[in-house]
Amino acid sequence: DIIESAYDSGANMIVTPCPLCQANVEIYQDDINARYKTKFDMPVMYYSQLMDVAFGRSALDAALNGNIIQSKRLREIADK
């Protein structure tokens, strides 16, 4: 429901402060896609990663490469 709601509302990513929430939503998207015949590919970022980029830190400093599903838009902003 979380991922579907994010897609339906036009979100570019899901942001959370919770490591368990981040892992559950990001890691299991492939399982959800296989079971329900969906094509979810929603990036799930930590709030701290989003804030790092907002404050001008690099993609490397924000650890954006540690996410399973990459946010191309957030990486573009961080690489400026």
PDB file of N, CA and C in Angstrom:
ATOM      1  N   ASP A   1       0.806  -1.199   0.000  1.00  0.00           N
ATOM      2  CA  ASP A   1       0.000   0.000   0.000  1.00  0.00           C
ATOM      3  C   ASP A   1       0.853   1.268   0.000  1.00  0.00           C
ATOM      4  N   ILE A   2       1.983   1.245   0.710  1.00  0.00           N
ATOM      5  CA  ILE A   2       2.845   2.424   0.783  1.00  0.00           C
ATOM      6  C   ILE A   2       3.393   2.769  -0.596  1.00  0.00           C
ATOM      7  N   ILE A   3       3.913   1.782  -1.282  1.00  0.00           N
ATOM      8  CA  ILE A   3       4.516   2.025  -2.594  1.00  0.00           C
ATOM      9  C   ILE A   3       3.441   2.420  -3.602  1.00  0.00           C
ATOM     10  N   GLU A   4       2.332   1.726  -3.589  1.00  0.00           N
ATOM     11  CA  GLU A   4       1.238   2.037  -4.508  1.00  0.00           C
ATOM     12  C   GLU A   4       0.722   3.451  -4.271  1.00  0.00           C
ATOM     13  N   SER A   5       0.573   3.842  -3.023  1.00  0.00           N
ATOM     14  CA  SER A   5       0.120   5.199  -2.701  1.00  0.00           C
ATOM     15  C   SER A   5       1.114   6.241  -3.190  1.00  0.00           C
ATOM     16  N   ALA A   6       2.403   5.948  -3.042  1.00  0.00           N
ATOM     17  CA  ALA A   6       3.430   6.881  -3.513  1.00  0.00           C
ATOM     18  C   ALA A   6       3.348   7.048  -5.030  1.00  0.00           C
ATOM     19  N   TYR A   7       3.225   5.933  -5.754  1.00  0.00           N
ATOM     20  CA  TYR A   7       3.097   6.006  -7.217  1.00  0.00           C
ATOM     21  C   TYR A   7       1.831   6.756  -7.621  1.00  0.00           C
ATOM     22  N   ASP A   8       0.725   6.423  -6.975  1.00  0.00           N
ATOM     23  CA  ASP A   8      -0.553   7.047  -7.325  1.00  0.00           C
ATOM     24  C   ASP A   8      -0.549   8.554  -7.088  1.00  0.00           C
ATOM     25  N   SER A   9       0.226   9.004  -6.095  1.00  0.00           N
ATOM     26  CA  SER A   9       0.264  10.433  -5.796  1.00  0.00           C
ATOM     27  C   SER A   9       1.329  11.174  -6.599  1.00  0.00           C
ATOM     28  N   GLY A  10       2.097  10.439  -7.417  1.00  0.00           N
ATOM     29  CA  GLY A  10       3.103  11.062  -8.266  1.00  0.00           C
ATOM     30  C   GLY A  10       4.441  11.306  -7.585  1.00  0.00           C
ATOM     31  N   ALA A  11       4.693  10.634  -6.481  1.00  0.00           N
ATOM     32  CA  ALA A  11       5.953  10.813  -5.749  1.00  0.00           C
ATOM     33  C   ALA A  11       7.142  10.323  -6.572  1.00  0.00           C
ATOM     34  N   ASN A  12       8.287  10.967  -6.380  1.00  0.00           N
ATOM     35  CA  ASN A  12       9.537  10.553  -7.021  1.00  0.00           C
ATOM     36  C   ASN A  12      10.307   9.562  -6.169  1.00  0.00           C
ATOM     37  N   MET A  13      10.039   9.590  -4.867  1.00  0.00           N
ATOM     38  CA  MET A  13      10.719   8.697  -3.937  1.00  0.00           C
ATOM     39  C   MET A  13       9.951   8.673  -2.623  1.00  0.00           C
ATOM     40  N   ILE A  14      10.300   7.694  -1.799  1.00  0.00           N
ATOM     41  CA  ILE A  14       9.785   7.616  -0.440  1.00  0.00           C
ATOM     42  C   ILE A  14      10.950   7.956   0.473  1.00  0.00           C
ATOM     43  N   VAL A  15      10.713   8.796   1.480  1.00  0.00           N
ATOM     44  CA  VAL A  15      11.761   9.192   2.418  1.00  0.00           C
ATOM     45  C   VAL A  15      11.329   8.793   3.818  1.00  0.00           C
ATOM     46  N   THR A  16      12.264   8.194   4.568  1.00  0.00           N
ATOM     47  CA  THR A  16      11.963   7.735   5.917  1.00  0.00           C
ATOM     48  C   THR A  16      13.166   7.931   6.832  1.00  0.00           C
ATOM     49  N   PRO A  17      12.937   8.167   8.136  1.00  0.00           N
ATOM     50  CA  PRO A  17      14.048   8.223   9.085  1.00  0.00           C
ATOM     51  C   PRO A  17      14.368   6.846   9.670  1.00  0.00           C
ATOM     52  N   CYS A  18      13.578   5.849   9.345  1.00  0.00           N
ATOM     53  CA  CYS A  18      13.638   4.535   9.991  1.00  0.00           C
ATOM     54  C   CYS A  18      14.379   3.510   9.126  1.00  0.00           C
ATOM     55  N   PRO A  19      15.512   2.951   9.604  1.00  0.00           N
ATOM     56  CA  PRO A  19      16.252   1.955   8.823  1.00  0.00           C
ATOM     57  C   PRO A  19      15.432   0.706   8.496  1.00  0.00           C
ATOM     58  N   LEU A  20      14.628   0.237   9.421  1.00  0.00           N
ATOM     59  CA  LEU A  20      13.815  -0.953   9.165  1.00  0.00           C
ATOM     60  C   LEU A  20      12.762  -0.666   8.098  1.00  0.00           C
ATOM     61  N   CYS A  21      12.150   0.493   8.176  1.00  0.00           N
ATOM     62  CA  CYS A  21      11.152   0.881   7.166  1.00  0.00           C
ATOM     63  C   CYS A  21      11.805   0.987   5.792  1.00  0.00           C
ATOM     64  N   GLN A  22      12.964   1.616   5.740  1.00  0.00           N
ATOM     65  CA  GLN A  22      13.678   1.777   4.474  1.00  0.00           C
ATOM     66  C   GLN A  22      13.990   0.421   3.867  1.00  0.00           C
ATOM     67  N   ALA A  23      14.517  -0.467   4.679  1.00  0.00           N
ATOM     68  CA  ALA A  23      14.877  -1.800   4.183  1.00  0.00           C
ATOM     69  C   ALA A  23      13.648  -2.559   3.698  1.00  0.00           C
ATOM     70  N   ASN A  24      12.600  -2.573   4.489  1.00  0.00           N
ATOM     71  CA  ASN A  24      11.396  -3.321   4.112  1.00  0.00           C
ATOM     72  C   ASN A  24      10.771  -2.804   2.824  1.00  0.00           C
ATOM     73  N   VAL A  25      10.683  -1.510   2.678  1.00  0.00           N
ATOM     74  CA  VAL A  25      10.037  -0.951   1.488  1.00  0.00           C
ATOM     75  C   VAL A  25      10.925  -1.109   0.254  1.00  0.00           C
ATOM     76  N   GLU A  26      12.235  -0.925   0.403  1.00  0.00           N
ATOM     77  CA  GLU A  26      13.122  -1.000  -0.759  1.00  0.00           C
ATOM     78  C   GLU A  26      13.436  -2.446  -1.157  1.00  0.00           C
ATOM     79  N   ILE A  27      13.808  -3.260  -0.209  1.00  0.00           N
ATOM     80  CA  ILE A  27      14.272  -4.620  -0.506  1.00  0.00           C
ATOM     81  C   ILE A  27      13.182  -5.506  -1.092  1.00  0.00           C
ATOM     82  N   TYR A  28      11.965  -5.347  -0.633  1.00  0.00           N
ATOM     83  CA  TYR A  28      10.905  -6.274  -1.035  1.00  0.00           C
ATOM     84  C   TYR A  28      10.111  -5.849  -2.260  1.00  0.00           C
ATOM     85  N   GLN A  29      10.524  -4.801  -2.957  1.00  0.00           N
ATOM     86  CA  GLN A  29       9.784  -4.386  -4.151  1.00  0.00           C
ATOM     87  C   GLN A  29       9.798  -5.458  -5.238  1.00  0.00           C
ATOM     88  N   ASP A  30      10.907  -6.159  -5.401  1.00  0.00           N
ATOM     89  CA  ASP A  30      10.954  -7.237  -6.402  1.00  0.00           C
ATOM     90  C   ASP A  30       9.970  -8.352  -6.059  1.00  0.00           C
ATOM     91  N   ASP A  31       9.883  -8.710  -4.781  1.00  0.00           N
ATOM     92  CA  ASP A  31       8.931  -9.741  -4.351  1.00  0.00           C
ATOM     93  C   ASP A  31       7.489  -9.292  -4.585  1.00  0.00           C
ATOM     94  N   ILE A  32       7.219  -8.034  -4.281  1.00  0.00           N
ATOM     95  CA  ILE A  32       5.876  -7.478  -4.504  1.00  0.00           C
ATOM     96  C   ILE A  32       5.551  -7.511  -5.994  1.00  0.00           C
ATOM     97  N   ASN A  33       6.507  -7.108  -6.816  1.00  0.00           N
ATOM     98  CA  ASN A  33       6.294  -7.116  -8.271  1.00  0.00           C
ATOM     99  C   ASN A  33       6.014  -8.516  -8.788  1.00  0.00           C
ATOM    100  N   ALA A  34       6.752  -9.491  -8.302  1.00  0.00           N
ATOM    101  CA  ALA A  34       6.551 -10.876  -8.751  1.00  0.00           C
ATOM    102  C   ALA A  34       5.194 -11.412  -8.313  1.00  0.00           C
ATOM    103  N   ARG A  35       4.818 -11.116  -7.094  1.00  0.00           N
ATOM    104  CA  ARG A  35       3.567 -11.667  -6.560  1.00  0.00           C
ATOM    105  C   ARG A  35       2.329 -11.000  -7.157  1.00  0.00           C
ATOM    106  N   TYR A  36       2.377  -9.680  -7.315  1.00  0.00           N
ATOM    107  CA  TYR A  36       1.183  -8.941  -7.740  1.00  0.00           C
ATOM    108  C   TYR A  36       1.253  -8.440  -9.182  1.00  0.00           C
ATOM    109  N   LYS A  37       2.291  -8.859  -9.913  1.00  0.00           N
ATOM    110  CA  LYS A  37       2.449  -8.470 -11.324  1.00  0.00           C
ATOM    111  C   LYS A  37       2.482  -6.955 -11.497  1.00  0.00           C
ATOM    112  N   THR A  38       3.195  -6.280 -10.594  1.00  0.00           N
ATOM    113  CA  THR A  38       3.374  -4.836 -10.681  1.00  0.00           C
ATOM    114  C   THR A  38       4.785  -4.549 -11.179  1.00  0.00           C
ATOM    115  N   LYS A  39       5.082  -3.281 -11.387  1.00  0.00           N
ATOM    116  CA  LYS A  39       6.408  -2.883 -11.864  1.00  0.00           C
ATOM    117  C   LYS A  39       6.957  -1.736 -11.016  1.00  0.00           C
ATOM    118  N   PHE A  40       6.839  -1.864  -9.701  1.00  0.00           N
ATOM    119  CA  PHE A  40       7.332  -0.818  -8.815  1.00  0.00           C
ATOM    120  C   PHE A  40       8.853  -0.737  -8.872  1.00  0.00           C
ATOM    121  N   ASP A  41       9.358   0.478  -8.889  1.00  0.00           N
ATOM    122  CA  ASP A  41      10.795   0.746  -8.883  1.00  0.00           C
ATOM    123  C   ASP A  41      11.005   2.086  -8.170  1.00  0.00           C
ATOM    124  N   MET A  42      10.443   2.186  -6.968  1.00  0.00           N
ATOM    125  CA  MET A  42      10.420   3.437  -6.216  1.00  0.00           C
ATOM    126  C   MET A  42      11.643   3.540  -5.304  1.00  0.00           C
ATOM    127  N   PRO A  43      12.483   4.560  -5.500  1.00  0.00           N
ATOM    128  CA  PRO A  43      13.608   4.759  -4.589  1.00  0.00           C
ATOM    129  C   PRO A  43      13.105   5.056  -3.171  1.00  0.00           C
ATOM    130  N   VAL A  44      13.818   4.524  -2.191  1.00  0.00           N
ATOM    131  CA  VAL A  44      13.495   4.769  -0.784  1.00  0.00           C
ATOM    132  C   VAL A  44      14.762   5.304  -0.127  1.00  0.00           C
ATOM    133  N   MET A  45      14.711   6.536   0.310  1.00  0.00           N
ATOM    134  CA  MET A  45      15.881   7.209   0.868  1.00  0.00           C
ATOM    135  C   MET A  45      15.683   7.490   2.351  1.00  0.00           C
ATOM    136  N   TYR A  46      16.806   7.612   3.038  1.00  0.00           N
ATOM    137  CA  TYR A  46      16.770   8.088   4.419  1.00  0.00           C
ATOM    138  C   TYR A  46      16.589   9.598   4.405  1.00  0.00           C
ATOM    139  N   TYR A  47      15.905  10.093   5.409  1.00  0.00           N
ATOM    140  CA  TYR A  47      15.724  11.535   5.569  1.00  0.00           C
ATOM    141  C   TYR A  47      17.085  12.235   5.592  1.00  0.00           C
ATOM    142  N   SER A  48      18.063  11.617   6.262  1.00  0.00           N
ATOM    143  CA  SER A  48      19.400  12.221   6.360  1.00  0.00           C
ATOM    144  C   SER A  48      20.074  12.329   4.989  1.00  0.00           C
ATOM    145  N   GLN A  49      19.815  11.387   4.084  1.00  0.00           N
ATOM    146  CA  GLN A  49      20.376  11.476   2.730  1.00  0.00           C
ATOM    147  C   GLN A  49      19.782  12.669   1.989  1.00  0.00           C
ATOM    148  N   LEU A  50      18.488  12.839   2.123  1.00  0.00           N
ATOM    149  CA  LEU A  50      17.815  13.959   1.473  1.00  0.00           C
ATOM    150  C   LEU A  50      18.352  15.284   2.012  1.00  0.00           C
ATOM    151  N   MET A  51      18.541  15.359   3.322  1.00  0.00           N
ATOM    152  CA  MET A  51      19.062  16.580   3.932  1.00  0.00           C
ATOM    153  C   MET A  51      20.517  16.829   3.518  1.00  0.00           C
ATOM    154  N   ASP A  52      21.324  15.767   3.417  1.00  0.00           N
ATOM    155  CA  ASP A  52      22.706  15.929   2.945  1.00  0.00           C
ATOM    156  C   ASP A  52      22.729  16.611   1.583  1.00  0.00           C
ATOM    157  N   VAL A  53      21.907  16.140   0.671  1.00  0.00           N
ATOM    158  CA  VAL A  53      21.857  16.720  -0.672  1.00  0.00           C
ATOM    159  C   VAL A  53      21.322  18.150  -0.611  1.00  0.00           C
ATOM    160  N   ALA A  54      20.310  18.383   0.211  1.00  0.00           N
ATOM    161  CA  ALA A  54      19.739  19.724   0.339  1.00  0.00           C
ATOM    162  C   ALA A  54      20.775  20.731   0.846  1.00  0.00           C
ATOM    163  N   PHE A  55      21.693  20.264   1.682  1.00  0.00           N
ATOM    164  CA  PHE A  55      22.726  21.147   2.222  1.00  0.00           C
ATOM    165  C   PHE A  55      23.998  21.169   1.377  1.00  0.00           C
ATOM    166  N   GLY A  56      23.927  20.583   0.164  1.00  0.00           N
ATOM    167  CA  GLY A  56      25.014  20.700  -0.790  1.00  0.00           C
ATOM    168  C   GLY A  56      26.098  19.638  -0.711  1.00  0.00           C
ATOM    169  N   ARG A  57      25.873  18.585   0.035  1.00  0.00           N
ATOM    170  CA  ARG A  57      26.878  17.523   0.107  1.00  0.00           C
ATOM    171  C   ARG A  57      26.817  16.671  -1.160  1.00  0.00           C
ATOM    172  N   SER A  58      27.896  16.001  -1.458  1.00  0.00           N
ATOM    173  CA  SER A  58      27.985  15.191  -2.676  1.00  0.00           C
ATOM    174  C   SER A  58      27.196  13.894  -2.542  1.00  0.00           C
ATOM    175  N   ALA A  59      26.994  13.240  -3.675  1.00  0.00           N
ATOM    176  CA  ALA A  59      26.313  11.936  -3.678  1.00  0.00           C
ATOM    177  C   ALA A  59      27.094  10.930  -2.849  1.00  0.00           C
ATOM    178  N   LEU A  60      28.412  11.005  -2.912  1.00  0.00           N
ATOM    179  CA  LEU A  60      29.255  10.104  -2.122  1.00  0.00           C
ATOM    180  C   LEU A  60      29.080  10.374  -0.629  1.00  0.00           C
ATOM    181  N   ASP A  61      29.112  11.648  -0.236  1.00  0.00           N
ATOM    182  CA  ASP A  61      28.933  12.005   1.171  1.00  0.00           C
ATOM    183  C   ASP A  61      27.547  11.623   1.682  1.00  0.00           C
ATOM    184  N   ALA A  62      26.555  11.707   0.814  1.00  0.00           N
ATOM    185  CA  ALA A  62      25.185  11.356   1.201  1.00  0.00           C
ATOM    186  C   ALA A  62      24.936   9.851   1.130  1.00  0.00           C
ATOM    187  N   ALA A  63      25.948   9.095   0.714  1.00  0.00           N
ATOM    188  CA  ALA A  63      25.861   7.626   0.612  1.00  0.00           C
ATOM    189  C   ALA A  63      24.733   7.174  -0.312  1.00  0.00           C
ATOM    190  N   LEU A  64      24.520   7.912  -1.388  1.00  0.00           N
ATOM    191  CA  LEU A  64      23.452   7.556  -2.323  1.00  0.00           C
ATOM    192  C   LEU A  64      23.733   6.249  -3.048  1.00  0.00           C
ATOM    193  N   ASN A  65      25.002   5.870  -3.136  1.00  0.00           N
ATOM    194  CA  ASN A  65      25.335   4.612  -3.804  1.00  0.00           C
ATOM    195  C   ASN A  65      24.974   3.393  -2.955  1.00  0.00           C
ATOM    196  N   GLY A  66      24.582   3.604  -1.709  1.00  0.00           N
ATOM    197  CA  GLY A  66      24.215   2.499  -0.830  1.00  0.00           C
ATOM    198  C   GLY A  66      22.783   2.025  -0.992  1.00  0.00           C
ATOM    199  N   ASN A  67      21.999   2.746  -1.761  1.00  0.00           N
ATOM    200  CA  ASN A  67      20.610   2.356  -1.961  1.00  0.00           C
ATOM    201  C   ASN A  67      20.493   1.332  -3.077  1.00  0.00           C
ATOM    202  N   ILE A  68      19.577   0.405  -2.932  1.00  0.00           N
ATOM    203  CA  ILE A  68      19.351  -0.625  -3.948  1.00  0.00           C
ATOM    204  C   ILE A  68      18.730  -0.002  -5.196  1.00  0.00           C
ATOM    205  N   ILE A  69      17.698   0.799  -4.988  1.00  0.00           N
ATOM    206  CA  ILE A  69      17.026   1.490  -6.089  1.00  0.00           C
ATOM    207  C   ILE A  69      17.494   2.940  -6.055  1.00  0.00           C
ATOM    208  N   GLN A  70      18.196   3.344  -7.071  1.00  0.00           N
ATOM    209  CA  GLN A  70      18.802   4.671  -7.114  1.00  0.00           C
ATOM    210  C   GLN A  70      17.785   5.738  -7.504  1.00  0.00           C
ATOM    211  N   SER A  71      17.930   6.912  -6.910  1.00  0.00           N
ATOM    212  CA  SER A  71      17.143   8.072  -7.310  1.00  0.00           C
ATOM    213  C   SER A  71      17.993   8.892  -8.274  1.00  0.00           C
ATOM    214  N   LYS A  72      17.680   8.797  -9.547  1.00  0.00           N
ATOM    215  CA  LYS A  72      18.453   9.525 -10.559  1.00  0.00           C
ATOM    216  C   LYS A  72      18.378  11.032 -10.329  1.00  0.00           C
ATOM    217  N   ARG A  73      17.196  11.514  -9.971  1.00  0.00           N
ATOM    218  CA  ARG A  73      17.009  12.958  -9.774  1.00  0.00           C
ATOM    219  C   ARG A  73      17.823  13.462  -8.582  1.00  0.00           C
ATOM    220  N   LEU A  74      17.813  12.736  -7.480  1.00  0.00           N
ATOM    221  CA  LEU A  74      18.575  13.156  -6.305  1.00  0.00           C
ATOM    222  C   LEU A  74      20.075  13.126  -6.601  1.00  0.00           C
ATOM    223  N   ARG A  75      20.504  12.130  -7.345  1.00  0.00           N
ATOM    224  CA  ARG A  75      21.921  12.047  -7.731  1.00  0.00           C
ATOM    225  C   ARG A  75      22.297  13.224  -8.636  1.00  0.00           C
ATOM    226  N   GLU A  76      21.422  13.608  -9.569  1.00  0.00           N
ATOM    227  CA  GLU A  76      21.691  14.761 -10.439  1.00  0.00           C
ATOM    228  C   GLU A  76      21.870  16.029  -9.613  1.00  0.00           C
ATOM    229  N   ILE A  77      21.017  16.211  -8.628  1.00  0.00           N
ATOM    230  CA  ILE A  77      21.110  17.397  -7.773  1.00  0.00           C
ATOM    231  C   ILE A  77      22.408  17.367  -6.976  1.00  0.00           C
ATOM    232  N   ALA A  78      22.753  16.206  -6.429  1.00  0.00           N
ATOM    233  CA  ALA A  78      23.966  16.078  -5.614  1.00  0.00           C
ATOM    234  C   ALA A  78      25.230  16.270  -6.437  1.00  0.00           C
ATOM    235  N   ASP A  79      25.185  15.917  -7.711  1.00  0.00           N
ATOM    236  CA  ASP A  79      26.371  16.007  -8.563  1.00  0.00           C
ATOM    237  C   ASP A  79      26.611  17.407  -9.125  1.00  0.00           C
ATOM    238  N   LYS A  80      25.718  18.354  -8.856  1.00  0.00           N
ATOM    239  CA  LYS A  80      25.887  19.729  -9.363  1.00  0.00           C
ATOM    240  C   LYS A  80      26.958  20.452  -8.583  1.00  0.00           C
TER     241      LYS A  80
END
